[in-house]
PDB file of all heavy atoms in Angstrom:
ATOM      1  N   ALA A   1       0.841  -1.216   0.015  1.00  0.00           N
ATOM      2  CA  ALA A   1      -0.049   0.033   0.008  1.00  0.00           C
ATOM      3  C   ALA A   1       0.913   1.280  -0.042  1.00  0.00           C
ATOM      4  O   ALA A   1       0.585   2.198  -0.718  1.00  0.00           O
ATOM      5  CB  ALA A   1      -0.961   0.033   1.153  1.00  0.00           C
ATOM      6  N   LEU A   2       1.938   1.240   0.750  1.00  0.00           N
ATOM      7  CA  LEU A   2       2.885   2.371   0.793  1.00  0.00           C
ATOM      8  C   LEU A   2       3.462   2.559  -0.604  1.00  0.00           C
ATOM      9  O   LEU A   2       3.644   3.711  -1.067  1.00  0.00           O
ATOM     10  CB  LEU A   2       3.963   2.146   1.800  1.00  0.00           C
ATOM     11  CG  LEU A   2       3.540   2.398   3.278  1.00  0.00           C
ATOM     12  CD1 LEU A   2       4.627   1.900   4.221  1.00  0.00           C
ATOM     13  CD2 LEU A   2       3.240   3.841   3.514  1.00  0.00           C
ATOM     14  N   ALA A   3       3.903   1.498  -1.275  1.00  0.00           N
ATOM     15  CA  ALA A   3       4.539   1.568  -2.560  1.00  0.00           C
ATOM     16  C   ALA A   3       3.530   2.201  -3.592  1.00  0.00           C
ATOM     17  O   ALA A   3       4.006   2.861  -4.557  1.00  0.00           O
ATOM     18  CB  ALA A   3       4.983   0.174  -2.955  1.00  0.00           C
ATOM     19  N   ARG A   4       2.190   1.973  -3.468  1.00  0.00           N
ATOM     20  CA  ARG A   4       1.274   2.461  -4.376  1.00  0.00           C
ATOM     21  C   ARG A   4       0.820   3.864  -4.051  1.00  0.00           C
ATOM     22  O   ARG A   4       0.117   4.470  -4.753  1.00  0.00           O
ATOM     23  CB  ARG A   4       0.028   1.471  -4.433  1.00  0.00           C
ATOM     24  CG  ARG A   4       0.439   0.046  -5.072  1.00  0.00           C
ATOM     25  CD  ARG A   4      -0.818  -0.742  -5.238  1.00  0.00           C
ATOM     26  NE  ARG A   4      -1.607  -0.989  -3.966  1.00  0.00           N
ATOM     27  CZ  ARG A   4      -1.281  -2.013  -3.113  1.00  0.00           C
ATOM     28  NH1 ARG A   4      -0.285  -2.826  -3.337  1.00  0.00           N
ATOM     29  NH2 ARG A   4      -2.024  -2.164  -2.000  1.00  0.00           N
ATOM     30  N   THR A   5       1.046   4.299  -2.831  1.00  0.00           N
ATOM     31  CA  THR A   5       0.545   5.623  -2.365  1.00  0.00           C
ATOM     32  C   THR A   5       1.119   6.715  -3.180  1.00  0.00           C
ATOM     33  O   THR A   5       2.407   6.876  -3.313  1.00  0.00           O
ATOM     34  CB  THR A   5       0.804   5.779  -0.840  1.00  0.00           C
ATOM     35  OG1 THR A   5       0.265   4.726  -0.082  1.00  0.00           O
ATOM     36  CG2 THR A   5       0.273   7.114  -0.396  1.00  0.00           C
ATOM     37  N   GLY A   6       0.202   7.485  -3.756  1.00  0.00           N
ATOM     38  CA  GLY A   6       0.718   8.675  -4.535  1.00  0.00           C
ATOM     39  C   GLY A   6       0.090   9.950  -3.822  1.00  0.00           C
ATOM     40  O   GLY A   6      -0.852   9.920  -3.110  1.00  0.00           O
ATOM     41  N   PHE A   7       0.676  11.083  -4.223  1.00  0.00           N
ATOM     42  CA  PHE A   7       0.249  12.303  -3.673  1.00  0.00           C
ATOM     43  C   PHE A   7       0.030  13.390  -4.718  1.00  0.00           C
ATOM     44  O   PHE A   7       0.856  13.553  -5.658  1.00  0.00           O
ATOM     45  CB  PHE A   7       1.266  12.864  -2.661  1.00  0.00           C
ATOM     46  CG  PHE A   7       1.714  11.917  -1.658  1.00  0.00           C
ATOM     47  CD1 PHE A   7       2.999  11.221  -1.813  1.00  0.00           C
ATOM     48  CD2 PHE A   7       0.947  11.524  -0.642  1.00  0.00           C
ATOM     49  CE1 PHE A   7       3.380  10.323  -0.812  1.00  0.00           C
ATOM     50  CE2 PHE A   7       1.402  10.636   0.311  1.00  0.00           C
ATOM     51  CZ  PHE A   7       2.628   9.996   0.245  1.00  0.00           C
ATOM     52  N   ALA A   8      -1.151  13.876  -4.668  1.00  0.00           N
ATOM     53  CA  ALA A   8      -1.477  15.016  -5.686  1.00  0.00           C
ATOM     54  C   ALA A   8      -2.189  16.126  -5.019  1.00  0.00           C
ATOM     55  O   ALA A   8      -2.976  15.946  -4.113  1.00  0.00           O
ATOM     56  CB  ALA A   8      -2.367  14.428  -6.741  1.00  0.00           C
ATOM     57  N   PRO A   9      -1.755  17.423  -5.407  1.00  0.00           N
ATOM     58  CA  PRO A   9      -2.457  18.579  -4.867  1.00  0.00           C
ATOM     59  C   PRO A   9      -4.019  18.497  -5.175  1.00  0.00           C
ATOM     60  O   PRO A   9      -4.378  18.112  -6.228  1.00  0.00           O
ATOM     61  CB  PRO A   9      -1.834  19.687  -5.556  1.00  0.00           C
ATOM     62  CG  PRO A   9      -0.492  19.216  -6.093  1.00  0.00           C
ATOM     63  CD  PRO A   9      -0.817  17.810  -6.384  1.00  0.00           C
ATOM     64  N   GLN A  10      -4.721  18.892  -4.215  1.00  0.00           N
ATOM     65  CA  GLN A  10      -6.119  18.940  -4.295  1.00  0.00           C
ATOM     66  C   GLN A  10      -6.575  20.287  -3.962  1.00  0.00           C
ATOM     67  O   GLN A  10      -6.119  20.936  -3.012  1.00  0.00           O
ATOM     68  CB  GLN A  10      -6.936  17.947  -3.351  1.00  0.00           C
ATOM     69  CG  GLN A  10      -6.516  16.479  -3.581  1.00  0.00           C
ATOM     70  CD  GLN A  10      -6.986  15.901  -4.877  1.00  0.00           C
ATOM     71  OE1 GLN A  10      -8.106  16.195  -5.319  1.00  0.00           O
ATOM     72  NE2 GLN A  10      -6.168  15.165  -5.637  1.00  0.00           N
ATOM     73  N   VAL A  11      -7.675  20.808  -4.651  1.00  0.00           N
ATOM     74  CA  VAL A  11      -8.289  22.118  -4.334  1.00  0.00           C
ATOM     75  C   VAL A  11      -8.787  22.062  -2.930  1.00  0.00           C
ATOM     76  O   VAL A  11      -9.510  21.109  -2.495  1.00  0.00           O
ATOM     77  CB  VAL A  11      -9.318  22.630  -5.274  1.00  0.00           C
ATOM     78  CG1 VAL A  11      -9.988  23.823  -4.860  1.00  0.00           C
ATOM     79  CG2 VAL A  11      -8.696  22.777  -6.654  1.00  0.00           C
ATOM     80  N   ASP A  12      -8.488  23.045  -2.117  1.00  0.00           N
ATOM     81  CA  ASP A  12      -9.024  23.091  -0.747  1.00  0.00           C
ATOM     82  C   ASP A  12     -10.449  23.756  -0.775  1.00  0.00           C
ATOM     83  O   ASP A  12     -10.499  24.917  -0.825  1.00  0.00           O
ATOM     84  CB  ASP A  12      -8.044  23.953   0.136  1.00  0.00           C
ATOM     85  CG  ASP A  12      -8.505  24.045   1.610  1.00  0.00           C
ATOM     86  OD1 ASP A  12      -9.594  23.490   1.974  1.00  0.00           O
ATOM     87  OD2 ASP A  12      -7.788  24.706   2.392  1.00  0.00           O
ATOM     88  N   ARG A  13     -11.381  22.986  -0.793  1.00  0.00           N
ATOM     89  CA  ARG A  13     -12.732  23.374  -0.762  1.00  0.00           C
ATOM     90  C   ARG A  13     -13.265  24.127   0.481  1.00  0.00           C
ATOM     91  O   ARG A  13     -14.202  24.835   0.515  1.00  0.00           O
ATOM     92  CB  ARG A  13     -13.661  22.242  -1.098  1.00  0.00           C
ATOM     93  CG  ARG A  13     -13.310  21.552  -2.404  1.00  0.00           C
ATOM     94  CD  ARG A  13     -14.393  21.141  -3.332  1.00  0.00           C
ATOM     95  NE  ARG A  13     -13.978  20.411  -4.437  1.00  0.00           N
ATOM     96  CZ  ARG A  13     -13.578  20.947  -5.590  1.00  0.00           C
ATOM     97  NH1 ARG A  13     -13.593  22.310  -5.719  1.00  0.00           N
ATOM     98  NH2 ARG A  13     -13.230  20.183  -6.655  1.00  0.00           N
ATOM     99  N   SER A  14     -12.522  23.906   1.619  1.00  0.00           N
ATOM    100  CA  SER A  14     -12.870  24.549   2.877  1.00  0.00           C
ATOM    101  C   SER A  14     -12.466  25.990   2.856  1.00  0.00           C
ATOM    102  O   SER A  14     -12.938  26.807   3.755  1.00  0.00           O
ATOM    103  CB  SER A  14     -12.321  23.784   3.969  1.00  0.00           C
ATOM    104  OG  SER A  14     -10.939  23.882   4.052  1.00  0.00           O
ATOM    105  N   ALA A  15     -11.608  26.379   1.982  1.00  0.00           N
ATOM    106  CA  ALA A  15     -10.987  27.770   2.052  1.00  0.00           C
ATOM    107  C   ALA A  15     -11.931  28.677   1.346  1.00  0.00           C
ATOM    108  O   ALA A  15     -12.271  28.496   0.235  1.00  0.00           O
ATOM    109  CB  ALA A  15      -9.543  27.819   1.347  1.00  0.00           C
ATOM    110  N   GLY A  16     -12.388  29.695   2.099  1.00  0.00           N
ATOM    111  CA  GLY A  16     -13.176  30.772   1.550  1.00  0.00           C
ATOM    112  C   GLY A  16     -12.375  31.904   0.961  1.00  0.00           C
ATOM    113  O   GLY A  16     -11.149  32.040   1.211  1.00  0.00           O
ATOM    114  N   ALA A  17     -12.988  32.705   0.155  1.00  0.00           N
ATOM    115  CA  ALA A  17     -12.417  33.830  -0.533  1.00  0.00           C
ATOM    116  C   ALA A  17     -11.831  34.747   0.608  1.00  0.00           C
ATOM    117  O   ALA A  17     -12.544  35.057   1.596  1.00  0.00           O
ATOM    118  CB  ALA A  17     -13.214  34.610  -1.467  1.00  0.00           C
ATOM    119  N   VAL A  18     -10.549  35.120   0.560  1.00  0.00           N
ATOM    120  CA  VAL A  18      -9.945  36.083   1.532  1.00  0.00           C
ATOM    121  C   VAL A  18      -9.681  37.385   0.898  1.00  0.00           C
ATOM    122  O   VAL A  18      -9.295  38.334   1.546  1.00  0.00           O
ATOM    123  CB  VAL A  18      -8.738  35.407   2.229  1.00  0.00           C
ATOM    124  CG1 VAL A  18      -9.029  34.276   3.016  1.00  0.00           C
ATOM    125  CG2 VAL A  18      -7.630  35.183   1.160  1.00  0.00           C
ATOM    126  N   ARG A  19      -9.934  37.468  -0.359  1.00  0.00           N
ATOM    127  CA  ARG A  19      -9.658  38.723  -1.166  1.00  0.00           C
ATOM    128  C   ARG A  19     -10.896  39.148  -1.921  1.00  0.00           C
ATOM    129  O   ARG A  19     -11.628  38.185  -2.348  1.00  0.00           O
ATOM    130  CB  ARG A  19      -8.469  38.591  -1.976  1.00  0.00           C
ATOM    131  CG  ARG A  19      -7.090  38.380  -1.190  1.00  0.00           C
ATOM    132  CD  ARG A  19      -5.997  38.127  -2.040  1.00  0.00           C
ATOM    133  NE  ARG A  19      -6.182  38.703  -3.351  1.00  0.00           N
ATOM    134  CZ  ARG A  19      -5.112  39.168  -4.154  1.00  0.00           C
ATOM    135  NH1 ARG A  19      -3.953  39.288  -3.563  1.00  0.00           N
ATOM    136  NH2 ARG A  19      -5.272  39.600  -5.281  1.00  0.00           N
ATOM    137  N   ALA A  20     -10.972  40.297  -2.284  1.00  0.00           N
ATOM    138  CA  ALA A  20     -12.083  40.787  -3.107  1.00  0.00           C
ATOM    139  C   ALA A  20     -12.149  40.218  -4.448  1.00  0.00           C
ATOM    140  O   ALA A  20     -13.225  40.030  -5.134  1.00  0.00           O
ATOM    141  CB  ALA A  20     -12.116  42.320  -3.177  1.00  0.00           C
ATOM    142  N   ASP A  21     -11.000  39.793  -4.988  1.00  0.00           N
ATOM    143  CA  ASP A  21     -10.892  39.168  -6.334  1.00  0.00           C
ATOM    144  C   ASP A  21     -11.310  37.767  -6.361  1.00  0.00           C
ATOM    145  O   ASP A  21     -11.161  37.043  -7.384  1.00  0.00           O
ATOM    146  CB  ASP A  21      -9.595  39.443  -7.036  1.00  0.00           C
ATOM    147  CG  ASP A  21      -8.400  38.734  -6.292  1.00  0.00           C
ATOM    148  OD1 ASP A  21      -8.678  37.983  -5.330  1.00  0.00           O
ATOM    149  OD2 ASP A  21      -7.341  39.047  -6.733  1.00  0.00           O
ATOM    150  N   GLY A  22     -11.539  37.126  -5.297  1.00  0.00           N
ATOM    151  CA  GLY A  22     -12.042  35.611  -5.192  1.00  0.00           C
ATOM    152  C   GLY A  22     -10.896  34.753  -4.831  1.00  0.00           C
ATOM    153  O   GLY A  22     -11.121  33.480  -4.751  1.00  0.00           O
ATOM    154  N   SER A  23      -9.715  35.192  -4.676  1.00  0.00           N
ATOM    155  CA  SER A  23      -8.518  34.315  -4.321  1.00  0.00           C
ATOM    156  C   SER A  23      -8.754  33.780  -2.904  1.00  0.00           C
ATOM    157  O   SER A  23      -9.246  34.510  -1.979  1.00  0.00           O
ATOM    158  CB  SER A  23      -7.284  35.089  -4.377  1.00  0.00           C
ATOM    159  OG  SER A  23      -6.211  34.302  -3.957  1.00  0.00           O
ATOM    160  N   THR A  24      -8.365  32.517  -2.736  1.00  0.00           N
ATOM    161  CA  THR A  24      -8.563  31.935  -1.423  1.00  0.00           C
ATOM    162  C   THR A  24      -7.125  31.761  -0.765  1.00  0.00           C
ATOM    163  O   THR A  24      -7.086  31.034   0.276  1.00  0.00           O
ATOM    164  CB  THR A  24      -9.184  30.520  -1.498  1.00  0.00           C
ATOM    165  OG1 THR A  24      -8.325  29.682  -2.368  1.00  0.00           O
ATOM    166  CG2 THR A  24     -10.647  30.582  -2.128  1.00  0.00           C
ATOM    167  N   VAL A  25      -6.189  32.467  -1.101  1.00  0.00           N
ATOM    168  CA  VAL A  25      -4.843  32.397  -0.642  1.00  0.00           C
ATOM    169  C   VAL A  25      -4.590  33.478   0.422  1.00  0.00           C
ATOM    170  O   VAL A  25      -4.668  34.682   0.071  1.00  0.00           O
ATOM    171  CB  VAL A  25      -3.694  32.407  -1.713  1.00  0.00           C
ATOM    172  CG1 VAL A  25      -2.348  32.398  -1.135  1.00  0.00           C
ATOM    173  CG2 VAL A  25      -3.892  31.291  -2.719  1.00  0.00           C
ATOM    174  N   ASP A  26      -4.317  33.082   1.627  1.00  0.00           N
ATOM    175  CA  ASP A  26      -3.928  34.078   2.727  1.00  0.00           C
ATOM    176  C   ASP A  26      -2.359  33.892   2.817  1.00  0.00           C
ATOM    177  O   ASP A  26      -1.914  32.869   3.255  1.00  0.00           O
ATOM    178  CB  ASP A  26      -4.546  33.630   3.995  1.00  0.00           C
ATOM    179  CG  ASP A  26      -4.156  34.558   5.139  1.00  0.00           C
ATOM    180  OD1 ASP A  26      -3.295  35.324   4.977  1.00  0.00           O
ATOM    181  OD2 ASP A  26      -4.734  34.333   6.301  1.00  0.00           O
ATOM    182  N   ILE A  27      -1.688  35.005   2.393  1.00  0.00           N
ATOM    183  CA  ILE A  27      -0.295  34.917   2.297  1.00  0.00           C
ATOM    184  C   ILE A  27       0.351  34.523   3.661  1.00  0.00           C
ATOM    185  O   ILE A  27       1.297  33.646   3.687  1.00  0.00           O
ATOM    186  CB  ILE A  27       0.352  36.246   1.822  1.00  0.00           C
ATOM    187  CG1 ILE A  27      -0.097  36.422   0.305  1.00  0.00           C
ATOM    188  CG2 ILE A  27       1.862  36.173   1.878  1.00  0.00           C
ATOM    189  CD1 ILE A  27       0.309  37.678  -0.314  1.00  0.00           C
ATOM    190  N   ASP A  28      -0.049  35.076   4.747  1.00  0.00           N
ATOM    191  CA  ASP A  28       0.518  34.846   6.016  1.00  0.00           C
ATOM    192  C   ASP A  28       0.244  33.335   6.410  1.00  0.00           C
ATOM    193  O   ASP A  28       1.256  32.667   6.969  1.00  0.00           O
ATOM    194  CB  ASP A  28      -0.152  35.708   7.103  1.00  0.00           C
ATOM    195  CG  ASP A  28       0.317  37.143   6.955  1.00  0.00           C
ATOM    196  OD1 ASP A  28       1.338  37.419   6.362  1.00  0.00           O
ATOM    197  OD2 ASP A  28      -0.507  38.067   7.346  1.00  0.00           O
ATOM    198  N   SER A  29      -0.936  32.790   6.253  1.00  0.00           N
ATOM    199  CA  SER A  29      -1.151  31.473   6.553  1.00  0.00           C
ATOM    200  C   SER A  29      -0.347  30.484   5.660  1.00  0.00           C
ATOM    201  O   SER A  29       0.174  29.458   6.166  1.00  0.00           O
ATOM    202  CB  SER A  29      -2.712  31.187   6.318  1.00  0.00           C
ATOM    203  OG  SER A  29      -3.053  29.848   6.528  1.00  0.00           O
ATOM    204  N   GLU A  30      -0.324  30.804   4.344  1.00  0.00           N
ATOM    205  CA  GLU A  30       0.534  29.934   3.411  1.00  0.00           C
ATOM    206  C   GLU A  30       1.945  29.990   3.913  1.00  0.00           C
ATOM    207  O   GLU A  30       2.572  28.898   3.827  1.00  0.00           O
ATOM    208  CB  GLU A  30       0.298  30.440   2.056  1.00  0.00           C
ATOM    209  CG  GLU A  30      -1.017  30.182   1.367  1.00  0.00           C
ATOM    210  CD  GLU A  30      -1.466  28.764   1.455  1.00  0.00           C
ATOM    211  OE1 GLU A  30      -0.749  27.864   1.052  1.00  0.00           O
ATOM    212  OE2 GLU A  30      -2.606  28.530   1.789  1.00  0.00           O
TER     213      GLU A  30
END
């Protein structure tokens, strides 16, 4: 199972927009 385990980035659906332009990235948190 470990040998088959892969990792891929997934969109964080729990993150809400933190900027007026709709971006969900908080620079300090990141």
